[in-house]
C-alpha atoms as a PDB file:
ATOM      1  CA  UNK A   1      15.981  27.031   9.823  1.00  0.00           C
ATOM      2  CA  UNK A   2      13.878  28.092   6.904  1.00  0.00           C
ATOM      3  CA  UNK A   3      11.273  25.886   5.279  1.00  0.00           C
ATOM      4  CA  UNK A   4      13.560  25.474   2.255  1.00  0.00           C
ATOM      5  CA  UNK A   5      15.868  23.288   4.341  1.00  0.00           C
ATOM      6  CA  UNK A   6      13.596  20.341   5.148  1.00  0.00           C
ATOM      7  CA  UNK A   7      11.673  17.528   3.481  1.00  0.00           C
ATOM      8  CA  UNK A   8       9.414  15.185   5.463  1.00  0.00           C
ATOM      9  CA  UNK A   9       9.355  11.571   4.293  1.00  0.00           C
ATOM     10  CA  UNK A  10       6.569   9.455   5.774  1.00  0.00           C
ATOM     11  CA  UNK A  11       7.098   5.720   5.632  1.00  0.00           C
ATOM     12  CA  UNK A  12      10.827   6.478   5.651  1.00  0.00           C
ATOM     13  CA  UNK A  13      11.762   3.182   7.323  1.00  0.00           C
ATOM     14  CA  UNK A  14      10.026   1.054   4.702  1.00  0.00           C
ATOM     15  CA  UNK A  15      11.751  -0.545   1.736  1.00  0.00           C
ATOM     16  CA  UNK A  16      10.859   2.150  -0.803  1.00  0.00           C
ATOM     17  CA  UNK A  17      11.038   5.002   1.716  1.00  0.00           C
ATOM     18  CA  UNK A  18      14.495   4.066   2.957  1.00  0.00           C
ATOM     19  CA  UNK A  19      15.795   3.893  -0.601  1.00  0.00           C
ATOM     20  CA  UNK A  20      14.263   7.291  -1.366  1.00  0.00           C
ATOM     21  CA  UNK A  21      15.952   8.664   1.758  1.00  0.00           C
ATOM     22  CA  UNK A  22      19.352   7.350   0.659  1.00  0.00           C
ATOM     23  CA  UNK A  23      18.920   8.904  -2.793  1.00  0.00           C
ATOM     24  CA  UNK A  24      17.793  12.219  -1.290  1.00  0.00           C
ATOM     25  CA  UNK A  25      20.769  12.354   1.067  1.00  0.00           C
ATOM     26  CA  UNK A  26      23.099  11.760  -1.870  1.00  0.00           C
ATOM     27  CA  UNK A  27      21.599  14.523  -3.986  1.00  0.00           C
ATOM     28  CA  UNK A  28      20.013  17.157  -1.732  1.00  0.00           C
ATOM     29  CA  UNK A  29      21.730  19.476   0.747  1.00  0.00           C
ATOM     30  CA  UNK A  30      18.831  19.944   3.186  1.00  0.00           C
ATOM     31  CA  UNK A  31      17.436  18.100   6.179  1.00  0.00           C
ATOM     32  CA  UNK A  32      15.191  15.053   6.082  1.00  0.00           C
ATOM     33  CA  UNK A  33      12.611  14.262   8.725  1.00  0.00           C
ATOM     34  CA  UNK A  34      11.614  10.614   8.557  1.00  0.00           C
ATOM     35  CA  UNK A  35       8.269   9.651  10.032  1.00  0.00           C
ATOM     36  CA  UNK A  36       7.407   5.979  10.437  1.00  0.00           C
ATOM     37  CA  UNK A  37       5.170   3.976  12.761  1.00  0.00           C
ATOM     38  CA  UNK A  38       7.597   1.025  12.585  1.00  0.00           C
ATOM     39  CA  UNK A  39       4.940  -1.566  11.885  1.00  0.00           C
ATOM     40  CA  UNK A  40       5.529  -4.795   9.913  1.00  0.00           C
ATOM     41  CA  UNK A  41       6.570  -2.759   6.867  1.00  0.00           C
ATOM     42  CA  UNK A  42       9.109  -0.435   8.473  1.00  0.00           C
ATOM     43  CA  UNK A  43      12.308  -1.183  10.300  1.00  0.00           C
ATOM     44  CA  UNK A  44      15.170   0.896  11.623  1.00  0.00           C
ATOM     45  CA  UNK A  45      17.436  -1.757  10.099  1.00  0.00           C
ATOM     46  CA  UNK A  46      16.444  -0.313   6.703  1.00  0.00           C
ATOM     47  CA  UNK A  47      17.983   2.975   7.842  1.00  0.00           C
ATOM     48  CA  UNK A  48      21.358   1.558   8.939  1.00  0.00           C
ATOM     49  CA  UNK A  49      23.914   4.319   8.491  1.00  0.00           C
ATOM     50  CA  UNK A  50      21.275   6.851   7.478  1.00  0.00           C
ATOM     51  CA  UNK A  51      20.360   7.721  11.053  1.00  0.00           C
ATOM     52  CA  UNK A  52      23.992   8.692  11.709  1.00  0.00           C
ATOM     53  CA  UNK A  53      23.709  11.555   9.201  1.00  0.00           C
ATOM     54  CA  UNK A  54      23.254  14.856  11.090  1.00  0.00           C
ATOM     55  CA  UNK A  55      20.763  15.988   8.427  1.00  0.00           C
ATOM     56  CA  UNK A  56      18.337  13.196   9.402  1.00  0.00           C
ATOM     57  CA  UNK A  57      15.753  13.284  12.170  1.00  0.00           C
ATOM     58  CA  UNK A  58      13.679  10.167  12.841  1.00  0.00           C
ATOM     59  CA  UNK A  59      10.228  10.402  14.447  1.00  0.00           C
ATOM     60  CA  UNK A  60       8.307   7.264  15.371  1.00  0.00           C
ATOM     61  CA  UNK A  61       4.701   8.239  14.723  1.00  0.00           C
ATOM     62  CA  UNK A  62       1.614   7.208  12.813  1.00  0.00           C
ATOM     63  CA  UNK A  63       0.404   9.570  10.086  1.00  0.00           C
ATOM     64  CA  UNK A  64      -3.143   9.180  11.452  1.00  0.00           C
ATOM     65  CA  UNK A  65      -2.045  10.836  14.728  1.00  0.00           C
ATOM     66  CA  UNK A  66      -3.247  14.442  14.319  1.00  0.00           C
ATOM     67  CA  UNK A  67      -1.202  15.855  17.187  1.00  0.00           C
ATOM     68  CA  UNK A  68       2.001  14.146  16.064  1.00  0.00           C
ATOM     69  CA  UNK A  69       1.592  15.365  12.475  1.00  0.00           C
ATOM     70  CA  UNK A  70       0.853  18.924  13.636  1.00  0.00           C
ATOM     71  CA  UNK A  71       4.066  18.804  15.704  1.00  0.00           C
ATOM     72  CA  UNK A  72       6.090  17.553  12.729  1.00  0.00           C
ATOM     73  CA  UNK A  73       5.000  20.529  10.637  1.00  0.00           C
ATOM     74  CA  UNK A  74       5.312  23.090  13.439  1.00  0.00           C
ATOM     75  CA  UNK A  75       8.744  21.949  14.595  1.00  0.00           C
ATOM     76  CA  UNK A  76      10.400  21.156  11.260  1.00  0.00           C
ATOM     77  CA  UNK A  77       8.688  23.582   8.859  1.00  0.00           C
ATOM     78  CA  UNK A  78       9.186  21.497   5.706  1.00  0.00           C
ATOM     79  CA  UNK A  79       9.209  22.715   2.134  1.00  0.00           C
ATOM     80  CA  UNK A  80       7.872  19.370   0.936  1.00  0.00           C
ATOM     81  CA  UNK A  81       6.311  16.103   2.063  1.00  0.00           C
ATOM     82  CA  UNK A  82       6.759  12.738   0.364  1.00  0.00           C
ATOM     83  CA  UNK A  83       4.006  10.465   1.683  1.00  0.00           C
ATOM     84  CA  UNK A  84       5.088   6.850   1.340  1.00  0.00           C
ATOM     85  CA  UNK A  85       3.432   5.636   4.555  1.00  0.00           C
ATOM     86  CA  UNK A  86       0.936   2.881   3.832  1.00  0.00           C
ATOM     87  CA  UNK A  87      -0.480  -0.432   4.805  1.00  0.00           C
ATOM     88  CA  UNK A  88       0.442  -2.779   1.967  1.00  0.00           C
ATOM     89  CA  UNK A  89      -0.137  -6.225   0.498  1.00  0.00           C
ATOM     90  CA  UNK A  90      -3.404  -7.369  -1.035  1.00  0.00           C
ATOM     91  CA  UNK A  91      -3.643 -10.541   1.058  1.00  0.00           C
ATOM     92  CA  UNK A  92      -3.244  -8.614   4.315  1.00  0.00           C
ATOM     93  CA  UNK A  93      -5.993  -6.221   3.217  1.00  0.00           C
ATOM     94  CA  UNK A  94      -8.433  -9.053   2.608  1.00  0.00           C
ATOM     95  CA  UNK A  95      -7.703 -10.550   6.024  1.00  0.00           C
ATOM     96  CA  UNK A  96      -7.959  -7.200   7.861  1.00  0.00           C
ATOM     97  CA  UNK A  97      -9.160  -4.202   5.850  1.00  0.00           C
ATOM     98  CA  UNK A  98      -9.643  -1.850   8.842  1.00  0.00           C
ATOM     99  CA  UNK A  99      -5.929  -1.092   9.161  1.00  0.00           C
ATOM    100  CA  UNK A 100      -5.856  -0.144   5.477  1.00  0.00           C
ATOM    101  CA  UNK A 101      -8.732   2.294   5.889  1.00  0.00           C
ATOM    102  CA  UNK A 102      -7.081   3.796   8.982  1.00  0.00           C
ATOM    103  CA  UNK A 103      -3.621   4.330   7.508  1.00  0.00           C
ATOM    104  CA  UNK A 104      -4.154   4.714   3.782  1.00  0.00           C
ATOM    105  CA  UNK A 105      -7.314   6.815   3.886  1.00  0.00           C
ATOM    106  CA  UNK A 106      -7.590   8.436   7.327  1.00  0.00           C
ATOM    107  CA  UNK A 107      -3.825   8.786   7.719  1.00  0.00           C
ATOM    108  CA  UNK A 108      -3.443  10.475   4.345  1.00  0.00           C
ATOM    109  CA  UNK A 109      -6.363  12.778   5.186  1.00  0.00           C
ATOM    110  CA  UNK A 110      -4.793  13.724   8.548  1.00  0.00           C
ATOM    111  CA  UNK A 111      -1.462  14.393   6.849  1.00  0.00           C
ATOM    112  CA  UNK A 112      -3.154  16.563   4.209  1.00  0.00           C
ATOM    113  CA  UNK A 113      -5.027  18.515   6.884  1.00  0.00           C
ATOM    114  CA  UNK A 114      -1.785  19.086   8.807  1.00  0.00           C
ATOM    115  CA  UNK A 115      -0.119  20.305   5.611  1.00  0.00           C
ATOM    116  CA  UNK A 116      -3.058  22.589   4.834  1.00  0.00           C
ATOM    117  CA  UNK A 117      -2.963  24.100   8.318  1.00  0.00           C
ATOM    118  CA  UNK A 118       0.801  24.551   8.034  1.00  0.00           C
ATOM    119  CA  UNK A 119       0.498  26.229   4.609  1.00  0.00           C
ATOM    120  CA  UNK A 120      -1.598  28.977   6.194  1.00  0.00           C
ATOM    121  CA  UNK A 121       1.438  29.923   8.313  1.00  0.00           C
ATOM    122  CA  UNK A 122       3.703  30.427   5.288  1.00  0.00           C
ATOM    123  CA  UNK A 123       4.328  33.506   3.233  1.00  0.00           C
ATOM    124  CA  UNK A 124       3.180  33.592  -0.378  1.00  0.00           C
ATOM    125  CA  UNK A 125       6.489  32.455  -1.925  1.00  0.00           C
ATOM    126  CA  UNK A 126       6.947  29.519   0.478  1.00  0.00           C
ATOM    127  CA  UNK A 127       3.296  28.521   0.068  1.00  0.00           C
ATOM    128  CA  UNK A 128       3.631  28.436  -3.726  1.00  0.00           C
ATOM    129  CA  UNK A 129       6.886  26.468  -3.502  1.00  0.00           C
ATOM    130  CA  UNK A 130       5.547  23.847  -1.047  1.00  0.00           C
ATOM    131  CA  UNK A 131       4.962  20.375  -2.487  1.00  0.00           C
ATOM    132  CA  UNK A 132       3.015  17.364  -1.224  1.00  0.00           C
ATOM    133  CA  UNK A 133       3.921  14.186  -3.084  1.00  0.00           C
ATOM    134  CA  UNK A 134       1.597  11.250  -2.454  1.00  0.00           C
ATOM    135  CA  UNK A 135       2.927   7.866  -3.533  1.00  0.00           C
ATOM    136  CA  UNK A 136       0.269   5.452  -4.752  1.00  0.00           C
ATOM    137  CA  UNK A 137       0.349   2.021  -6.397  1.00  0.00           C
ATOM    138  CA  UNK A 138      -0.409   0.553  -9.788  1.00  0.00           C
ATOM    139  CA  UNK A 139      -2.909  -1.684  -7.975  1.00  0.00           C
ATOM    140  CA  UNK A 140      -5.449   1.175  -8.203  1.00  0.00           C
ATOM    141  CA  UNK A 141      -5.788   0.366 -11.916  1.00  0.00           C
ATOM    142  CA  UNK A 142      -6.745  -3.275 -11.368  1.00  0.00           C
ATOM    143  CA  UNK A 143      -5.186  -6.211 -13.164  1.00  0.00           C
ATOM    144  CA  UNK A 144      -3.047  -5.573 -16.205  1.00  0.00           C
ATOM    145  CA  UNK A 145      -2.858  -9.036 -17.694  1.00  0.00           C
ATOM    146  CA  UNK A 146       0.048 -10.400 -19.728  1.00  0.00           C
ATOM    147  CA  UNK A 147       0.296  -7.422 -22.138  1.00  0.00           C
ATOM    148  CA  UNK A 148      -0.130  -3.684 -22.110  1.00  0.00           C
ATOM    149  CA  UNK A 149       0.667  -0.880 -19.743  1.00  0.00           C
ATOM    150  CA  UNK A 150      -1.191   1.487 -17.487  1.00  0.00           C
ATOM    151  CA  UNK A 151      -1.173   5.200 -18.317  1.00  0.00           C
ATOM    152  CA  UNK A 152      -2.480   8.355 -16.694  1.00  0.00           C
ATOM    153  CA  UNK A 153      -5.668   7.878 -18.721  1.00  0.00           C
ATOM    154  CA  UNK A 154      -6.292   4.342 -17.413  1.00  0.00           C
ATOM    155  CA  UNK A 155      -9.483   4.331 -15.321  1.00  0.00           C
ATOM    156  CA  UNK A 156      -9.219   3.242 -11.718  1.00  0.00           C
ATOM    157  CA  UNK A 157     -10.427  -0.310 -11.131  1.00  0.00           C
ATOM    158  CA  UNK A 158      -9.340  -1.300  -7.621  1.00  0.00           C
ATOM    159  CA  UNK A 159     -10.171  -4.888  -6.761  1.00  0.00           C
ATOM    160  CA  UNK A 160      -8.987  -5.350  -3.167  1.00  0.00           C
ATOM    161  CA  UNK A 161      -9.286  -3.394   0.085  1.00  0.00           C
ATOM    162  CA  UNK A 162      -5.619  -2.405  -0.381  1.00  0.00           C
ATOM    163  CA  UNK A 163      -6.089  -0.954  -3.862  1.00  0.00           C
ATOM    164  CA  UNK A 164      -9.437   0.623  -2.924  1.00  0.00           C
ATOM    165  CA  UNK A 165      -7.849   2.350   0.090  1.00  0.00           C
ATOM    166  CA  UNK A 166      -4.989   3.691  -2.045  1.00  0.00           C
ATOM    167  CA  UNK A 167      -7.455   4.864  -4.733  1.00  0.00           C
ATOM    168  CA  UNK A 168      -9.466   6.630  -2.025  1.00  0.00           C
ATOM    169  CA  UNK A 169      -6.359   8.402  -0.766  1.00  0.00           C
ATOM    170  CA  UNK A 170      -5.475   9.442  -4.310  1.00  0.00           C
END
């Protein structure tokens, strides 16, 4: 299959990822490759019915696993990646920040390196068309307070290991 037929969704078994997958299946004709480590935040129960769709391939893997990510790109040749894989929750990050550094920073870096390596195998048109969408969090902007809104001009002001790890990945 050509690279125009496939989108990789990391964190596809999480709450947001599984809802993105359902929306994509309803509106896009191509294949979806879902990558998830199935930690506390991801569950195959979130993908009930989705995994029966012949356009869906599920791969249990961590985005920080270089070999696994290289295989995903080599075997599925995606036209895009939506990176929703992340360690989440401020309280969890305070209790154990190492997992947040590993997944949110190192994992995103490994995924970007795998994408960069893969891009070198594509022709000019496919390389220009390829997209890498990294999903972040409003937590990178700090606390909003009772009024106002964040914008693209709002300076980063992370105030937890979670938000700092997401800001680093951004």
